[in-house]
Each structure stands twice: as structure tokens, then as C-alpha cells.
Amino acid sequence: MHHGPAVKLEKCNAAAAKAKLGIYLFFVYLIVYGGFVAITLASPTLMNGEIIFGLNLACTYGFGLIILAIVMGLIYNSLCTRLEERMNRGSQPDNSSGVKR
């Protein structure tokens, strides 16, 4: 049995802004991750020898990267939601009749 889409998808006026935001956040993460790789290549003993919060620098930096990715994902979701609400406000069909669909 074939089912159609659950909702009718409209054109998203915020798509370009969301893509630009995603690329910006990608480059921020790329720079932070590049720092991890650069430290590892330049001074591997520093990554294993330096103790922070009871863990070596490699583990601390790695956990920081994971946490940063999660936080950036939450920020991206929040900002995209706001962009969609603001930029798609005028293009949505008016349901002011009070009839639920």
C-alpha cells in the first residue's frame, strides 16, 4: 500500500540562510578540530603528558570536540527554527477560519 506525504511541503524561504549558517558553523568546528590535529602532529607527548581534569589533553580535547559538536547542533537547530519562523511567516497559507486540518 502506497501512502503519500504526511504534509504538503512548501518552499522554504530560509534555505539559503540556513545553508550559510551551516557552512559558517562547519568552518568554526573545522578550525577547532584543526587545532587538535596540529597539536597532535606538533607535540604528541604534550597530548599524552598534559593532565587536565584528571585526563590527558588528548582525551579532554576529544571530549570537548564531542560536546562542541552537540552544542553547535543545538545552536544550529535553534537558529534555523527562528529563521524559518521569521522568513516563512508570510508564505504559509492562512488558517484563520479556525478549522483544523
Protein backbone atom coordinates (compact mmCIF):
# COMPACT_ATOMS: atom_id res chain seq x y z
CA MET A 1 0.00 0.00 0.00
CA HIS A 2 1.49 3.34 -1.04
CA HIS A 3 0.98 6.40 1.11
CA GLY A 4 1.54 9.98 0.03
CA PRO A 5 3.43 12.56 2.08
CA ALA A 6 2.06 13.38 5.53
CA VAL A 7 2.15 17.11 4.86
CA LYS A 8 2.39 19.31 1.79
CA LEU A 9 5.89 20.77 1.69
CA GLU A 10 6.10 24.44 0.84
CA LYS A 11 9.07 26.38 -0.49
CA CYS A 12 11.40 27.31 2.37
CA ASN A 13 12.43 30.95 2.13
CA ALA A 14 15.10 30.38 4.80
CA ALA A 15 17.01 27.66 2.92
CA ALA A 16 19.84 29.93 1.73
CA ALA A 17 20.30 31.48 5.17
CA LYS A 18 20.29 28.06 6.84
CA ALA A 19 22.91 26.78 4.39
CA LYS A 20 25.13 29.81 5.04
CA LEU A 21 24.80 29.31 8.79
CA GLY A 22 25.65 25.62 8.45
CA ILE A 23 28.78 26.39 6.45
CA TYR A 24 29.85 29.02 8.99
CA LEU A 25 29.45 26.56 11.88
CA PHE A 26 31.27 23.89 9.88
CA PHE A 27 34.30 26.15 9.48
CA VAL A 28 34.27 27.06 13.18
CA TYR A 29 34.35 23.35 14.04
CA LEU A 30 36.98 22.70 11.37
CA ILE A 31 39.30 25.28 12.97
CA VAL A 32 38.85 23.79 16.45
CA TYR A 33 39.39 20.26 15.11
CA GLY A 34 42.40 21.50 13.12
CA GLY A 35 43.87 22.71 16.41
CA PHE A 36 43.52 19.19 17.81
CA VAL A 37 45.29 17.70 14.79
CA ALA A 38 48.01 20.38 14.81
CA ILE A 39 48.82 19.81 18.49
CA THR A 40 48.88 16.05 17.93
CA LEU A 41 51.28 16.39 14.99
CA ALA A 42 53.49 19.05 16.55
CA SER A 43 53.78 17.58 20.03
CA PRO A 44 52.37 14.10 20.59
CA THR A 45 53.99 13.96 24.03
CA LEU A 46 52.01 17.05 25.07
CA MET A 47 48.75 15.29 24.20
CA ASN A 48 49.66 12.34 26.43
CA GLY A 49 51.60 14.16 29.15
CA GLU A 50 49.48 17.18 30.00
CA ILE A 51 46.80 16.30 32.59
CA ILE A 52 43.56 18.34 32.67
CA PHE A 53 40.55 17.35 34.79
CA GLY A 54 42.28 14.05 35.58
CA LEU A 55 42.60 13.09 31.90
CA ASN A 56 45.36 13.63 29.40
CA LEU A 57 44.99 16.52 26.97
CA ALA A 58 44.02 14.22 24.09
CA CYS A 59 41.00 12.83 25.97
CA THR A 60 39.99 16.23 27.34
CA TYR A 61 40.24 17.86 23.90
CA GLY A 62 38.39 14.92 22.32
CA PHE A 63 35.53 15.15 24.81
CA GLY A 64 35.50 18.91 24.22
CA LEU A 65 35.12 18.33 20.49
CA ILE A 66 32.17 16.00 21.08
CA ILE A 67 30.49 18.46 23.43
CA LEU A 68 31.17 21.32 20.99
CA ALA A 69 29.53 19.36 18.16
CA ILE A 70 26.42 18.74 20.28
CA VAL A 71 26.21 22.38 21.41
CA MET A 72 26.72 23.65 17.86
CA GLY A 73 23.98 21.29 16.65
CA LEU A 74 21.59 22.68 19.26
CA ILE A 75 22.52 26.25 18.31
CA TYR A 76 22.04 25.45 14.61
CA ASN A 77 18.61 23.94 15.29
CA SER A 78 17.52 26.91 17.38
CA LEU A 79 18.72 29.50 14.88
CA CYS A 80 17.21 27.62 11.93
CA THR A 81 13.87 27.39 13.69
CA ARG A 82 13.89 31.15 14.24
CA LEU A 83 14.91 31.79 10.64
CA GLU A 84 12.12 29.57 9.33
CA GLU A 85 9.52 31.21 11.53
CA ARG A 86 10.63 34.70 10.53
CA MET A 87 11.22 34.16 6.82
CA ASN A 88 8.35 31.77 6.07
CA ARG A 89 5.74 33.70 8.04
CA GLY A 90 4.16 35.41 5.03
CA SER A 91 4.23 32.43 2.67
CA GLN A 92 2.20 30.00 4.77
CA PRO A 93 -1.49 29.53 3.97
CA ASP A 94 -3.80 31.45 6.27
CA ASN A 95 -5.83 29.22 8.55
CA SER A 96 -7.68 32.00 10.35
CA SER A 97 -11.06 30.31 9.87
CA GLY A 98 -10.33 28.16 12.91
CA VAL A 99 -10.91 24.93 11.02
CA LYS A 100 -8.39 22.25 11.98
CA ARG A 101 -6.85 20.31 9.15
